[in-house]
Amino acid sequence: MDGNRRFARKSNMATVRGHVSGFFRLASVLEWCNDLGIRHVSVFAFAINNFNRSEEEVTALMELAKDKLRELAEKSELVRKHGVRIRVIGNRQLLAADVLEAVDFAEQQTRYNKGMTLNICFAYSATDEISSAIRRVVEDAENGKLEISDIDEKALESRLQIPEPSLDILVRTSGQIRFSNYMLWQTSKMAYIQFVDAFWPDFSFFHMFRIVISWQRAARTIAHRKQMSQRATTPASDSSGRSAFTSAAQFISDDETCCSDRG
């Protein structure tokens, strides 16, 4: 959800009003996702390095988060009508007690909902998520919950904050072409990446529709590559009974642009 501050400057409004506009856009996007049958949505609401912003802006964002989390969980017609389940993903040790109270309230209030799952990444970074998963692997191995021989990619992936389902589409707004430390592990699994040259509050149904249609056109190629990738990392026996790996060079060197289409 990038571009709220620049949207505010463009519109000659206070920075916090830009973030409020971003929240209203989120409500619209969730409606569109529900209509399209999308069951899992993750949004990058606050990065760990956002704590480096001015004290005034950070305080305003924390107040906004507290208010909107409670509003979503308790008063939102969208959450009630569609049975949205709210999960807050990130490093909770960095959040103040009153913010944590709002987080717990939103999750508890919606925990039995069976509709769309909304992951709100707040005080989050991908590197923090991955390093936390590594620490859990080490702790489980030391405590006898995990055998050393069982430590592999799946063991690490299962301990991520967002382990599943597989990420299909990653959308970055505001015209910036970078990941900004967001869902790096999940994106590496052949996610379809779209960079949109529009601030988050300006993100429209046309943008959404175009992305989904583009993804549908590329879905077969992506599925084929995922299958080849799985084969490339799975040991297979050759005619002599020895273990061999399928070569990955054919799809690495044959990289198409369909997975980084800028819109």
Protein backbone atom coordinates (compact mmCIF):
# COMPACT_ATOMS: atom_id res chain seq x y z
CA MET A 1 0.00 0.00 0.00
CA ASP A 2 2.66 2.45 -1.11
CA GLY A 3 2.25 6.11 -2.02
CA ASN A 4 0.00 7.48 0.73
CA ARG A 5 2.40 10.28 1.67
CA ARG A 6 3.04 11.33 -1.92
CA PHE A 7 -0.70 11.20 -2.55
CA ALA A 8 -1.16 13.58 0.38
CA ARG A 9 1.46 15.99 -0.96
CA LYS A 10 -0.08 15.87 -4.43
CA SER A 11 -3.50 16.60 -2.94
CA ASN A 12 -2.23 19.37 -0.59
CA MET A 13 -3.42 17.53 2.53
CA ALA A 14 -1.80 16.50 5.80
CA THR A 15 0.25 13.31 5.69
CA VAL A 16 -2.10 11.48 8.04
CA ARG A 17 -5.02 12.25 5.70
CA GLY A 18 -3.11 10.42 2.98
CA HIS A 19 -2.91 7.35 5.21
CA VAL A 20 -6.64 7.62 5.95
CA SER A 21 -7.30 7.73 2.20
CA GLY A 22 -5.19 4.60 1.90
CA PHE A 23 -7.38 2.84 4.46
CA PHE A 24 -10.53 3.67 2.50
CA ARG A 25 -8.88 2.33 -0.66
CA LEU A 26 -8.12 -0.90 1.19
CA ALA A 27 -11.83 -1.34 1.91
CA SER A 28 -12.60 -0.98 -1.80
CA VAL A 29 -9.85 -3.40 -2.83
CA LEU A 30 -11.11 -6.01 -0.36
CA GLU A 31 -14.57 -5.76 -1.92
CA TRP A 32 -13.08 -6.27 -5.38
CA CYS A 33 -11.02 -9.23 -4.17
CA ASN A 34 -14.07 -10.82 -2.61
CA ASP A 35 -16.06 -10.37 -5.83
CA LEU A 36 -13.21 -12.01 -7.76
CA GLY A 37 -13.13 -14.98 -5.39
CA ILE A 38 -9.74 -14.16 -3.87
CA ARG A 39 -9.62 -15.81 -0.45
CA HIS A 40 -6.32 -14.54 0.95
CA VAL A 41 -5.09 -10.95 0.85
CA SER A 42 -1.92 -9.58 2.49
CA VAL A 43 -1.18 -5.85 2.77
CA PHE A 44 2.01 -4.08 3.83
CA ALA A 45 0.74 -1.50 6.29
CA PHE A 46 3.84 -0.60 8.31
CA ALA A 47 7.45 -1.64 7.78
CA ILE A 48 9.92 -2.02 10.64
CA ASN A 49 12.07 0.74 9.14
CA ASN A 50 9.04 3.06 9.21
CA PHE A 51 9.87 3.57 12.89
CA ASN A 52 12.66 5.79 11.56
CA ARG A 53 10.14 8.36 10.35
CA SER A 54 9.32 11.44 12.40
CA GLU A 55 7.87 10.84 15.86
CA GLU A 56 4.78 12.80 14.83
CA GLU A 57 4.07 10.58 11.83
CA VAL A 58 4.78 7.32 13.68
CA THR A 59 2.46 8.36 16.53
CA ALA A 60 -0.26 9.30 14.03
CA LEU A 61 0.11 5.94 12.25
CA MET A 62 -0.12 4.02 15.52
CA GLU A 63 -3.28 5.92 16.49
CA LEU A 64 -4.72 5.28 13.05
CA ALA A 65 -3.89 1.58 13.33
CA LYS A 66 -5.60 1.29 16.72
CA ASP A 67 -8.74 3.03 15.49
CA LYS A 68 -9.00 1.21 12.17
CA LEU A 69 -8.27 -2.25 13.57
CA ARG A 70 -11.13 -1.86 16.04
CA GLU A 71 -13.34 -0.34 13.37
CA LEU A 72 -12.66 -3.20 10.96
CA ALA A 73 -13.29 -5.87 13.57
CA GLU A 74 -16.28 -4.32 15.32
CA LYS A 75 -18.12 -2.02 12.91
CA SER A 76 -17.10 -2.86 9.36
CA GLU A 77 -20.00 -3.99 7.20
CA LEU A 78 -17.47 -5.54 4.82
CA VAL A 79 -15.98 -7.76 7.55
CA ARG A 80 -19.40 -8.74 8.83
CA LYS A 81 -20.97 -9.38 5.43
CA HIS A 82 -18.09 -11.37 3.98
CA GLY A 83 -16.83 -13.01 7.18
CA VAL A 84 -13.31 -11.57 6.90
CA ARG A 85 -10.75 -12.99 9.30
CA ILE A 86 -8.05 -10.51 10.36
CA ARG A 87 -4.48 -11.56 11.13
CA VAL A 88 -1.72 -9.10 12.05
CA ILE A 89 1.72 -10.23 10.89
CA GLY A 90 4.97 -8.76 12.17
CA ASN A 91 7.28 -8.27 15.13
CA ARG A 92 4.91 -7.61 18.02
CA GLN A 93 7.76 -6.90 20.41
CA LEU A 94 8.15 -3.55 18.64
CA LEU A 95 4.55 -2.47 19.32
CA ALA A 96 3.29 -0.54 22.32
CA ALA A 97 0.81 -2.16 24.72
CA ASP A 98 -2.19 -0.14 23.51
CA VAL A 99 -1.48 -1.09 19.88
CA LEU A 100 -1.11 -4.74 20.86
CA GLU A 101 -4.45 -4.54 22.62
CA ALA A 102 -6.11 -3.39 19.38
CA VAL A 103 -4.30 -6.12 17.43
CA ASP A 104 -5.49 -8.83 19.84
CA PHE A 105 -9.03 -7.42 19.77
CA ALA A 106 -9.21 -7.53 15.95
CA GLU A 107 -7.86 -11.07 15.77
CA GLN A 108 -10.07 -12.41 18.55
CA GLN A 109 -13.17 -10.67 17.24
CA THR A 110 -12.80 -12.25 13.79
CA ARG A 111 -11.09 -15.55 14.62
CA TYR A 112 -14.13 -17.71 13.76
CA ASN A 113 -14.90 -15.98 10.47
CA LYS A 114 -14.82 -18.33 7.49
CA GLY A 115 -14.54 -15.92 4.57
CA MET A 116 -11.51 -14.09 3.24
CA THR A 117 -8.33 -13.94 5.35
CA LEU A 118 -6.76 -10.48 5.58
CA ASN A 119 -3.10 -10.49 6.66
CA ILE A 120 -2.10 -7.01 7.81
CA CYS A 121 1.70 -6.80 7.85
CA PHE A 122 2.46 -4.32 10.61
CA ALA A 123 5.94 -3.81 12.08
CA TYR A 124 7.02 -6.28 9.42
CA SER A 125 10.00 -6.97 7.19
CA ALA A 126 10.78 -10.08 5.16
CA THR A 127 14.27 -10.37 6.60
CA ASP A 128 12.85 -10.24 10.14
CA GLU A 129 10.30 -12.91 9.18
CA ILE A 130 13.00 -15.19 7.75
CA SER A 131 15.45 -14.67 10.62
CA SER A 132 12.66 -15.39 13.13
CA ALA A 133 11.87 -18.62 11.28
CA ILE A 134 15.56 -19.61 11.44
CA ARG A 135 15.60 -18.99 15.20
CA ARG A 136 12.53 -21.22 15.58
CA VAL A 137 14.22 -23.98 13.59
CA VAL A 138 17.28 -23.77 15.87
CA GLU A 139 15.15 -23.73 19.04
CA ASP A 140 13.05 -26.71 17.89
CA ALA A 141 16.21 -28.65 17.03
CA GLU A 142 17.77 -27.87 20.41
CA ASN A 143 14.56 -28.88 22.22
CA GLY A 144 14.28 -32.17 20.36
CA LYS A 145 11.15 -31.13 18.43
CA LEU A 146 12.98 -31.26 15.11
CA GLU A 147 15.61 -33.74 13.94
CA ILE A 148 18.72 -32.25 12.34
CA SER A 149 18.13 -34.52 9.34
CA ASP A 150 14.68 -32.94 8.89
CA ILE A 151 15.97 -29.37 8.57
CA ASP A 152 15.23 -28.35 5.00
CA GLU A 153 13.42 -25.71 2.99
CA LYS A 154 9.99 -26.96 4.07
CA ALA A 155 10.97 -26.91 7.74
CA LEU A 156 11.96 -23.26 7.45
CA GLU A 157 8.98 -22.31 5.30
CA SER A 158 6.49 -23.82 7.76
CA ARG A 159 7.84 -21.49 10.46
CA LEU A 160 7.34 -18.28 8.48
CA GLN A 161 4.67 -15.85 9.65
CA ILE A 162 2.83 -16.32 6.34
CA PRO A 163 3.67 -19.94 5.42
CA GLU A 164 0.69 -20.60 3.15
CA PRO A 165 -1.06 -20.57 0.80
CA SER A 166 1.46 -19.95 -1.99
CA LEU A 167 1.63 -16.33 -3.11
CA ASP A 168 0.09 -15.94 -6.57
CA ILE A 169 0.34 -12.19 -7.22
CA LEU A 170 2.42 -9.41 -5.67
CA VAL A 171 1.35 -5.84 -6.49
CA ARG A 172 3.55 -2.82 -5.77
CA THR A 173 1.92 0.59 -6.20
CA SER A 174 3.36 4.13 -6.51
CA GLY A 175 5.55 3.46 -9.54
CA GLN A 176 8.47 2.16 -7.48
CA ILE A 177 10.14 -0.96 -8.89
CA ARG A 178 11.46 -2.69 -5.78
CA PHE A 179 10.19 -5.11 -3.12
CA SER A 180 11.07 -2.98 -0.07
CA ASN A 181 11.74 -6.07 2.05
CA TYR A 182 8.23 -7.46 1.65
CA MET A 183 7.43 -11.20 1.38
CA LEU A 184 10.79 -12.01 -0.21
CA TRP A 185 10.59 -15.74 0.50
CA GLN A 186 7.01 -16.04 -0.78
CA THR A 187 7.73 -13.97 -3.89
CA SER A 188 10.66 -16.21 -4.81
CA LYS A 189 8.25 -19.11 -5.35
CA MET A 190 7.31 -17.97 -8.87
CA ALA A 191 4.86 -15.26 -7.76
CA TYR A 192 3.46 -13.04 -10.51
CA ILE A 193 4.81 -9.53 -9.91
CA GLN A 194 3.11 -6.31 -11.00
CA PHE A 195 4.41 -2.75 -10.55
CA VAL A 196 1.63 -0.18 -10.86
CA ASP A 197 2.37 3.47 -11.61
CA ALA A 198 -0.32 4.85 -9.30
CA PHE A 199 -0.35 5.86 -5.64
CA TRP A 200 -2.21 3.43 -3.40
CA PRO A 201 -5.21 5.74 -2.81
CA ASP A 202 -5.48 6.09 -6.63
CA PHE A 203 -5.41 2.33 -7.22
CA SER A 204 -8.57 1.54 -9.19
CA PHE A 205 -10.71 -1.40 -10.20
CA PHE A 206 -9.26 -1.00 -13.70
CA HIS A 207 -5.78 -1.61 -12.29
CA MET A 208 -7.07 -4.64 -10.41
CA PHE A 209 -8.94 -6.05 -13.38
CA ARG A 210 -5.93 -5.62 -15.67
CA ILE A 211 -3.64 -7.41 -13.21
CA VAL A 212 -5.99 -10.38 -12.80
CA ILE A 213 -6.48 -10.78 -16.55
CA SER A 214 -2.71 -10.54 -17.09
CA TRP A 215 -2.10 -13.15 -14.39
CA GLN A 216 -4.65 -15.51 -15.95
CA ARG A 217 -2.81 -15.27 -19.25
CA ALA A 218 0.50 -16.09 -17.56
CA ALA A 219 -0.83 -18.71 -15.11
CA ARG A 220 -0.08 -21.73 -17.30
CA THR A 221 3.53 -20.64 -17.85
CA ILE A 222 3.98 -19.98 -14.12
CA ALA A 223 2.49 -23.35 -13.18
CA HIS A 224 4.82 -25.07 -15.66
CA ARG A 225 7.85 -23.30 -14.20
CA LYS A 226 6.85 -24.20 -10.65
CA GLN A 227 6.58 -27.84 -11.70
CA MET A 228 10.00 -27.73 -13.35
CA SER A 229 11.48 -26.02 -10.29
CA GLN A 230 10.14 -28.75 -8.02
CA ARG A 231 11.63 -31.40 -10.29
CA ALA A 232 14.95 -29.56 -10.34
CA THR A 233 15.25 -29.63 -6.55
CA THR A 234 13.97 -33.19 -6.03
CA PRO A 235 16.52 -36.00 -6.20
CA ALA A 236 15.77 -38.52 -8.95
CA SER A 237 17.42 -41.87 -9.59
CA ASP A 238 19.16 -42.44 -12.91
CA SER A 239 19.45 -45.78 -14.66
CA SER A 240 22.37 -46.80 -12.44
CA GLY A 241 20.38 -46.16 -9.30
CA ARG A 242 22.45 -43.12 -8.32
CA SER A 243 20.85 -39.90 -7.15
CA ALA A 244 20.72 -37.14 -9.80
CA PHE A 245 19.26 -33.64 -10.06
CA THR A 246 17.28 -32.34 -13.01
CA SER A 247 19.02 -29.36 -14.60
CA ALA A 248 17.42 -25.99 -13.81
CA ALA A 249 19.35 -24.10 -16.49
CA GLN A 250 16.68 -24.42 -19.13
CA PHE A 251 14.12 -22.32 -17.29
CA ILE A 252 16.53 -19.95 -15.56
CA SER A 253 18.14 -18.90 -18.84
CA ASP A 254 14.78 -18.84 -20.62
CA ASP A 255 13.34 -16.16 -18.33
CA GLU A 256 10.35 -14.39 -19.87
CA THR A 257 9.08 -10.91 -18.97
CA CYS A 258 5.57 -12.07 -18.09
CA CYS A 259 6.43 -12.19 -14.39
CA SER A 260 7.55 -8.56 -14.15
CA ASP A 261 5.05 -6.68 -16.26
CA ARG A 262 4.83 -3.03 -15.25
CA GLY A 263 1.33 -1.60 -15.36
